[in-house]
N, C-alpha and C. Protein backbone atom coordinates (compact mmCIF):
# COMPACT_ATOMS: atom_id res chain seq x y z
N MET A 1 -16.31 19.38 59.56
CA MET A 1 -15.83 19.87 58.28
C MET A 1 -16.62 19.17 57.18
N SER A 2 -16.99 19.92 56.19
CA SER A 2 -17.65 19.31 55.03
C SER A 2 -16.58 18.75 54.12
N GLY A 3 -16.85 18.63 52.83
CA GLY A 3 -15.94 18.00 51.89
C GLY A 3 -14.78 18.83 51.43
N GLN A 4 -14.70 20.10 51.84
CA GLN A 4 -13.53 20.90 51.50
C GLN A 4 -12.45 20.51 52.48
N GLY A 5 -11.27 20.35 52.01
CA GLY A 5 -10.23 20.02 52.97
C GLY A 5 -9.13 19.21 52.35
N LYS A 6 -8.70 18.21 53.05
CA LYS A 6 -7.52 17.46 52.68
C LYS A 6 -7.70 16.77 51.33
N GLY A 7 -6.59 16.52 50.66
CA GLY A 7 -6.64 15.99 49.30
C GLY A 7 -6.60 17.18 48.36
N ALA A 8 -6.32 16.96 47.10
CA ALA A 8 -6.13 18.05 46.14
C ALA A 8 -7.29 19.04 46.20
N ASP A 9 -8.49 18.59 46.07
CA ASP A 9 -9.68 19.45 46.13
C ASP A 9 -10.65 18.92 47.17
N GLY A 10 -10.18 18.16 48.13
CA GLY A 10 -11.10 17.51 49.05
C GLY A 10 -11.88 16.45 48.31
N ILE A 11 -13.08 16.19 48.75
CA ILE A 11 -13.89 15.17 48.09
C ILE A 11 -15.06 15.76 47.32
N VAL A 12 -15.24 17.07 47.39
CA VAL A 12 -16.35 17.70 46.67
C VAL A 12 -16.17 17.46 45.18
N GLY A 13 -17.21 16.92 44.55
CA GLY A 13 -17.18 16.66 43.12
C GLY A 13 -18.03 15.47 42.75
N VAL A 14 -17.97 15.12 41.48
CA VAL A 14 -18.68 13.97 40.94
C VAL A 14 -17.64 12.88 40.67
N TRP A 15 -17.90 11.71 41.19
CA TRP A 15 -16.96 10.59 41.12
C TRP A 15 -17.62 9.39 40.43
N ARG A 16 -16.86 8.73 39.56
CA ARG A 16 -17.32 7.51 38.88
C ARG A 16 -16.55 6.33 39.47
N LEU A 17 -17.26 5.24 39.71
CA LEU A 17 -16.62 4.04 40.24
C LEU A 17 -15.62 3.51 39.21
N ALA A 18 -14.36 3.40 39.61
CA ALA A 18 -13.31 2.93 38.71
C ALA A 18 -13.08 1.43 38.86
N LYS A 19 -13.12 0.95 40.12
CA LYS A 19 -12.94 -0.48 40.37
C LYS A 19 -13.33 -0.79 41.80
N THR A 20 -13.47 -2.07 42.07
CA THR A 20 -13.77 -2.54 43.43
C THR A 20 -12.83 -3.68 43.76
N SER A 21 -12.68 -3.95 45.04
CA SER A 21 -11.94 -5.14 45.45
C SER A 21 -12.51 -5.62 46.78
N ALA A 22 -12.30 -6.91 47.04
CA ALA A 22 -12.74 -7.49 48.30
C ALA A 22 -11.82 -8.65 48.65
N THR A 23 -11.50 -8.75 49.95
CA THR A 23 -10.72 -9.87 50.45
C THR A 23 -11.36 -10.38 51.73
N GLY A 24 -11.05 -11.62 52.06
CA GLY A 24 -11.49 -12.19 53.32
C GLY A 24 -10.52 -11.85 54.43
N ASP A 25 -10.83 -12.28 55.64
CA ASP A 25 -9.93 -12.05 56.77
C ASP A 25 -8.54 -12.61 56.51
N ASP A 26 -8.46 -13.68 55.70
CA ASP A 26 -7.18 -14.31 55.39
C ASP A 26 -6.44 -13.64 54.24
N GLY A 27 -7.02 -12.57 53.66
CA GLY A 27 -6.39 -11.87 52.56
C GLY A 27 -6.69 -12.44 51.18
N ALA A 28 -7.41 -13.55 51.15
CA ALA A 28 -7.75 -14.18 49.86
C ALA A 28 -8.82 -13.36 49.14
N PRO A 29 -8.72 -13.23 47.82
CA PRO A 29 -9.74 -12.48 47.06
C PRO A 29 -11.12 -13.09 47.24
N MET A 30 -12.13 -12.22 47.26
CA MET A 30 -13.53 -12.64 47.34
C MET A 30 -14.30 -12.05 46.17
N HIS A 31 -15.55 -12.47 46.04
CA HIS A 31 -16.45 -11.94 45.02
C HIS A 31 -16.35 -10.42 45.01
N PRO A 32 -16.14 -9.81 43.84
CA PRO A 32 -16.01 -8.35 43.81
C PRO A 32 -17.32 -7.65 44.14
N PRO A 33 -17.26 -6.58 44.94
CA PRO A 33 -18.49 -5.83 45.22
C PRO A 33 -19.15 -5.36 43.93
N TYR A 34 -20.43 -5.55 43.85
CA TYR A 34 -21.26 -5.15 42.70
C TYR A 34 -20.89 -5.90 41.42
N GLY A 35 -20.35 -7.10 41.57
CA GLY A 35 -20.15 -8.00 40.45
C GLY A 35 -18.93 -7.70 39.60
N ALA A 36 -18.84 -8.44 38.50
CA ALA A 36 -17.69 -8.35 37.60
C ALA A 36 -17.72 -7.08 36.75
N ASP A 37 -18.86 -6.42 36.67
CA ASP A 37 -18.97 -5.18 35.88
C ASP A 37 -19.70 -4.13 36.71
N PRO A 38 -19.05 -3.62 37.77
CA PRO A 38 -19.72 -2.67 38.65
C PRO A 38 -19.83 -1.28 38.03
N ARG A 39 -20.89 -0.59 38.39
CA ARG A 39 -21.07 0.80 37.97
C ARG A 39 -21.47 1.60 39.21
N GLY A 40 -21.03 2.84 39.24
CA GLY A 40 -21.39 3.67 40.37
C GLY A 40 -21.13 5.13 40.11
N LEU A 41 -21.89 5.95 40.80
CA LEU A 41 -21.74 7.39 40.75
C LEU A 41 -21.88 7.91 42.18
N LEU A 42 -20.99 8.82 42.54
CA LEU A 42 -20.93 9.36 43.89
C LEU A 42 -20.76 10.87 43.75
N VAL A 43 -21.61 11.64 44.43
CA VAL A 43 -21.54 13.10 44.33
C VAL A 43 -21.48 13.68 45.74
N PHE A 44 -20.47 14.52 45.96
CA PHE A 44 -20.34 15.28 47.20
C PHE A 44 -20.47 16.76 46.84
N TYR A 45 -21.43 17.42 47.48
CA TYR A 45 -21.63 18.86 47.28
C TYR A 45 -20.93 19.63 48.39
N ALA A 46 -20.53 20.86 48.10
CA ALA A 46 -19.84 21.70 49.08
C ALA A 46 -20.71 22.03 50.28
N ASP A 47 -22.04 21.96 50.12
CA ASP A 47 -22.93 22.28 51.24
C ASP A 47 -23.11 21.13 52.22
N GLY A 48 -22.39 20.01 52.00
CA GLY A 48 -22.46 18.89 52.94
C GLY A 48 -23.49 17.82 52.59
N ARG A 49 -24.05 17.87 51.38
CA ARG A 49 -24.97 16.82 50.92
C ARG A 49 -24.21 15.86 50.01
N MET A 50 -24.66 14.62 49.99
CA MET A 50 -24.06 13.62 49.10
C MET A 50 -25.13 12.67 48.61
N MET A 51 -24.80 11.96 47.52
CA MET A 51 -25.64 10.86 47.04
C MET A 51 -24.75 9.84 46.37
N SER A 52 -25.16 8.59 46.45
CA SER A 52 -24.38 7.48 45.91
C SER A 52 -25.31 6.44 45.31
N VAL A 53 -24.91 5.93 44.14
CA VAL A 53 -25.64 4.84 43.49
C VAL A 53 -24.61 3.83 43.01
N LEU A 54 -24.81 2.57 43.36
CA LEU A 54 -23.91 1.49 42.97
C LEU A 54 -24.73 0.31 42.49
N CYS A 55 -24.24 -0.37 41.43
CA CYS A 55 -24.98 -1.54 40.96
C CYS A 55 -24.08 -2.50 40.20
N ASP A 56 -24.56 -3.70 40.06
CA ASP A 56 -23.98 -4.73 39.20
C ASP A 56 -24.63 -4.53 37.84
N SER A 57 -23.86 -4.12 36.83
CA SER A 57 -24.46 -3.74 35.55
C SER A 57 -24.56 -4.87 34.54
N ARG A 58 -24.24 -6.08 34.93
CA ARG A 58 -24.36 -7.20 33.98
C ARG A 58 -25.82 -7.43 33.63
N LYS A 59 -26.08 -7.74 32.37
CA LYS A 59 -27.47 -8.01 31.93
C LYS A 59 -28.01 -9.28 32.54
N ALA A 60 -27.14 -10.27 32.71
CA ALA A 60 -27.56 -11.55 33.29
C ALA A 60 -26.44 -12.06 34.19
N LEU A 61 -26.83 -12.71 35.27
CA LEU A 61 -25.85 -13.30 36.16
C LEU A 61 -25.43 -14.67 35.61
N PRO A 62 -24.17 -15.04 35.77
CA PRO A 62 -23.75 -16.37 35.32
C PRO A 62 -24.37 -17.47 36.18
N PRO A 63 -24.43 -18.69 35.65
CA PRO A 63 -24.97 -19.80 36.43
C PRO A 63 -24.25 -19.93 37.77
N GLY A 64 -25.02 -20.17 38.81
CA GLY A 64 -24.46 -20.33 40.15
C GLY A 64 -24.38 -19.04 40.95
N GLU A 65 -24.55 -17.91 40.29
CA GLU A 65 -24.53 -16.63 40.99
C GLU A 65 -25.97 -16.15 41.13
N SER A 66 -26.38 -15.86 42.35
CA SER A 66 -27.79 -15.52 42.57
C SER A 66 -27.99 -14.13 43.16
N VAL A 67 -26.91 -13.42 43.46
CA VAL A 67 -27.03 -12.12 44.12
C VAL A 67 -26.62 -11.01 43.16
N ARG A 68 -27.54 -10.09 42.90
CA ARG A 68 -27.23 -8.89 42.12
C ARG A 68 -27.28 -7.73 43.10
N GLU A 69 -26.14 -7.12 43.33
CA GLU A 69 -26.08 -6.04 44.31
C GLU A 69 -26.54 -4.71 43.71
N TYR A 70 -27.26 -3.96 44.50
CA TYR A 70 -27.66 -2.59 44.17
C TYR A 70 -27.75 -1.82 45.48
N MET A 71 -27.24 -0.60 45.48
CA MET A 71 -27.37 0.23 46.67
C MET A 71 -27.41 1.69 46.24
N SER A 72 -28.24 2.44 46.90
CA SER A 72 -28.25 3.89 46.73
C SER A 72 -28.62 4.50 48.07
N TYR A 73 -28.02 5.65 48.35
CA TYR A 73 -28.41 6.40 49.53
C TYR A 73 -27.95 7.84 49.39
N CYS A 74 -28.52 8.72 50.23
CA CYS A 74 -28.13 10.12 50.24
C CYS A 74 -28.31 10.66 51.64
N GLY A 75 -27.68 11.81 51.88
CA GLY A 75 -27.82 12.44 53.18
C GLY A 75 -26.78 13.53 53.37
N ASN A 76 -26.72 14.05 54.58
CA ASN A 76 -25.72 15.04 54.95
C ASN A 76 -24.47 14.30 55.40
N TYR A 77 -23.31 14.86 55.03
CA TYR A 77 -22.07 14.19 55.39
C TYR A 77 -21.10 15.14 56.08
N THR A 78 -20.17 14.54 56.82
CA THR A 78 -19.01 15.25 57.34
C THR A 78 -17.78 14.43 56.96
N TRP A 79 -16.68 15.11 56.77
CA TRP A 79 -15.43 14.45 56.39
C TRP A 79 -14.29 15.20 57.04
N ASP A 80 -13.43 14.48 57.76
CA ASP A 80 -12.30 15.11 58.44
C ASP A 80 -10.97 14.87 57.73
N GLY A 81 -11.03 14.38 56.52
CA GLY A 81 -9.82 14.07 55.77
C GLY A 81 -9.48 12.59 55.79
N LYS A 82 -10.08 11.85 56.73
CA LYS A 82 -9.85 10.41 56.84
C LYS A 82 -11.14 9.62 56.99
N THR A 83 -12.09 10.18 57.71
CA THR A 83 -13.35 9.48 57.99
C THR A 83 -14.52 10.26 57.41
N LEU A 84 -15.34 9.57 56.66
CA LEU A 84 -16.54 10.13 56.04
C LEU A 84 -17.75 9.55 56.76
N VAL A 85 -18.60 10.40 57.29
CA VAL A 85 -19.81 9.94 57.97
C VAL A 85 -21.01 10.59 57.30
N THR A 86 -21.93 9.76 56.82
CA THR A 86 -23.15 10.25 56.19
C THR A 86 -24.34 9.89 57.06
N ARG A 87 -25.15 10.89 57.38
CA ARG A 87 -26.42 10.68 58.10
C ARG A 87 -27.46 10.43 57.01
N VAL A 88 -27.89 9.20 56.87
CA VAL A 88 -28.71 8.77 55.74
C VAL A 88 -30.17 9.22 55.94
N ASP A 89 -30.72 9.93 54.92
CA ASP A 89 -32.13 10.31 54.99
C ASP A 89 -32.97 9.65 53.90
N ALA A 90 -32.34 8.94 52.95
CA ALA A 90 -33.07 8.14 51.97
C ALA A 90 -32.14 7.04 51.48
N SER A 91 -32.68 5.85 51.26
CA SER A 91 -31.85 4.72 50.85
C SER A 91 -32.69 3.63 50.21
N ALA A 92 -32.08 2.88 49.30
CA ALA A 92 -32.72 1.69 48.73
C ALA A 92 -32.90 0.61 49.80
N GLU A 93 -32.09 0.67 50.85
CA GLU A 93 -32.18 -0.27 51.95
C GLU A 93 -32.79 0.45 53.15
N PRO A 94 -34.07 0.20 53.44
CA PRO A 94 -34.77 0.94 54.49
C PRO A 94 -34.07 0.96 55.85
N SER A 95 -33.33 -0.10 56.18
CA SER A 95 -32.67 -0.13 57.49
C SER A 95 -31.58 0.93 57.64
N ARG A 96 -31.12 1.50 56.55
CA ARG A 96 -30.09 2.55 56.63
C ARG A 96 -30.67 3.93 56.92
N VAL A 97 -31.95 4.13 56.63
CA VAL A 97 -32.56 5.45 56.80
C VAL A 97 -32.57 5.84 58.27
N GLY A 98 -32.07 7.03 58.55
CA GLY A 98 -31.99 7.53 59.92
C GLY A 98 -30.71 7.16 60.63
N GLY A 99 -29.91 6.30 60.02
CA GLY A 99 -28.64 5.90 60.63
C GLY A 99 -27.46 6.58 59.97
N GLU A 100 -26.29 6.17 60.36
CA GLU A 100 -25.07 6.72 59.80
C GLU A 100 -24.31 5.65 59.04
N GLN A 101 -23.71 6.04 57.93
CA GLN A 101 -22.81 5.19 57.18
C GLN A 101 -21.41 5.80 57.33
N THR A 102 -20.48 4.99 57.81
CA THR A 102 -19.11 5.46 58.03
C THR A 102 -18.19 4.78 57.04
N ARG A 103 -17.35 5.57 56.38
CA ARG A 103 -16.36 5.07 55.45
C ARG A 103 -15.02 5.70 55.80
N PHE A 104 -13.97 4.96 55.54
CA PHE A 104 -12.62 5.44 55.77
C PHE A 104 -12.04 5.79 54.41
N THR A 105 -11.34 6.92 54.31
CA THR A 105 -10.92 7.44 53.02
C THR A 105 -9.41 7.63 52.94
N HIS A 106 -8.90 7.42 51.74
CA HIS A 106 -7.55 7.84 51.40
C HIS A 106 -7.48 7.98 49.89
N PHE A 107 -6.42 8.59 49.41
CA PHE A 107 -6.24 8.76 47.98
C PHE A 107 -5.09 7.87 47.53
N GLU A 108 -5.28 7.21 46.39
CA GLU A 108 -4.28 6.29 45.86
C GLU A 108 -4.24 6.44 44.34
N ASP A 109 -3.09 6.86 43.82
CA ASP A 109 -2.92 7.05 42.38
C ASP A 109 -4.02 7.93 41.78
N GLY A 110 -4.38 9.00 42.49
CA GLY A 110 -5.39 9.93 42.01
C GLY A 110 -6.82 9.50 42.23
N LEU A 111 -7.04 8.32 42.80
CA LEU A 111 -8.38 7.83 43.06
C LEU A 111 -8.74 8.00 44.53
N LEU A 112 -10.00 8.30 44.79
CA LEU A 112 -10.54 8.31 46.14
C LEU A 112 -10.89 6.87 46.50
N VAL A 113 -10.35 6.37 47.59
CA VAL A 113 -10.60 4.99 48.01
C VAL A 113 -11.46 5.03 49.27
N LEU A 114 -12.60 4.35 49.22
CA LEU A 114 -13.50 4.24 50.38
C LEU A 114 -13.47 2.80 50.88
N THR A 115 -13.24 2.64 52.17
CA THR A 115 -13.30 1.33 52.81
C THR A 115 -14.26 1.44 53.99
N GLN A 116 -14.59 0.31 54.57
CA GLN A 116 -15.47 0.28 55.72
C GLN A 116 -15.04 -0.85 56.62
N LYS A 117 -15.66 -0.93 57.79
CA LYS A 117 -15.38 -2.06 58.67
C LYS A 117 -15.77 -3.34 57.93
N PRO A 118 -15.07 -4.45 58.21
CA PRO A 118 -15.43 -5.72 57.57
C PRO A 118 -16.90 -6.05 57.80
N ARG A 119 -17.51 -6.68 56.79
CA ARG A 119 -18.93 -7.02 56.88
C ARG A 119 -19.13 -8.47 56.46
N PRO A 120 -20.17 -9.11 56.98
CA PRO A 120 -20.43 -10.50 56.57
C PRO A 120 -20.88 -10.56 55.11
N TRP A 121 -20.35 -11.51 54.37
CA TRP A 121 -20.76 -11.74 52.99
C TRP A 121 -20.72 -13.23 52.76
N GLN A 122 -21.88 -13.83 52.60
CA GLN A 122 -22.03 -15.25 52.31
C GLN A 122 -21.21 -16.12 53.28
N GLY A 123 -21.36 -15.82 54.57
CA GLY A 123 -20.76 -16.64 55.61
C GLY A 123 -19.33 -16.30 55.98
N LYS A 124 -18.73 -15.30 55.34
CA LYS A 124 -17.36 -14.90 55.66
C LYS A 124 -17.32 -13.39 55.89
N MET A 125 -16.29 -12.95 56.56
CA MET A 125 -16.09 -11.52 56.73
C MET A 125 -15.38 -10.97 55.49
N GLN A 126 -15.93 -9.90 54.95
CA GLN A 126 -15.41 -9.31 53.72
C GLN A 126 -14.88 -7.90 53.98
N HIS A 127 -13.70 -7.63 53.45
CA HIS A 127 -13.07 -6.30 53.51
C HIS A 127 -13.20 -5.70 52.12
N ARG A 128 -14.01 -4.64 51.98
CA ARG A 128 -14.29 -4.03 50.69
C ARG A 128 -13.52 -2.73 50.50
N ALA A 129 -13.16 -2.47 49.24
CA ALA A 129 -12.59 -1.18 48.87
C ALA A 129 -13.24 -0.76 47.55
N LEU A 130 -13.70 0.48 47.51
CA LEU A 130 -14.28 1.05 46.30
C LEU A 130 -13.38 2.20 45.87
N TYR A 131 -12.97 2.18 44.61
CA TYR A 131 -12.04 3.17 44.05
C TYR A 131 -12.82 4.10 43.11
N TRP A 132 -12.72 5.40 43.35
CA TRP A 132 -13.51 6.39 42.62
C TRP A 132 -12.62 7.37 41.88
N GLU A 133 -12.97 7.66 40.63
CA GLU A 133 -12.28 8.62 39.78
C GLU A 133 -13.12 9.89 39.69
N LYS A 134 -12.50 11.03 39.96
CA LYS A 134 -13.23 12.30 39.88
C LYS A 134 -13.42 12.66 38.41
N ILE A 135 -14.70 12.93 38.04
CA ILE A 135 -15.01 13.23 36.63
C ILE A 135 -15.58 14.62 36.41
N ALA A 136 -15.97 15.31 37.48
CA ALA A 136 -16.54 16.65 37.30
C ALA A 136 -16.59 17.38 38.65
N ALA A 137 -16.76 18.67 38.56
CA ALA A 137 -16.96 19.48 39.75
C ALA A 137 -18.42 19.39 40.19
N ALA A 138 -18.66 19.72 41.42
CA ALA A 138 -20.03 19.79 41.94
C ALA A 138 -20.12 21.08 42.77
N GLU A 139 -21.17 21.81 42.58
CA GLU A 139 -21.34 23.09 43.29
C GLU A 139 -21.99 22.86 44.64
């Protein structure tokens, strides 16, 4: 199934990053994904194509912070109402090209929430959630 389906209008559309969160295995808050001022745009087309761009939009990092996150990728996707799988054909991170990116989805207070399996972040396992607000239709 493509992006038509479960949820008010499925996931087809243009989405703006509303907020991010991250916790460790112990539930304690961690560094927010894409910094204190994250920006992102996510587009799902009805034909099964998608693209995503995420970044830390701060002009300068504060002292002691050395990582500025940026990610972009695109590809064909499938979505069954809970699991989103994108077959990546272009990415800012070359290791993602040709592979699949899997995200788990649900809707919360009108926002699309994307999560993934925990990932290592600076020596700890991090549980990330990205919250997206729909801002426009996509054909």
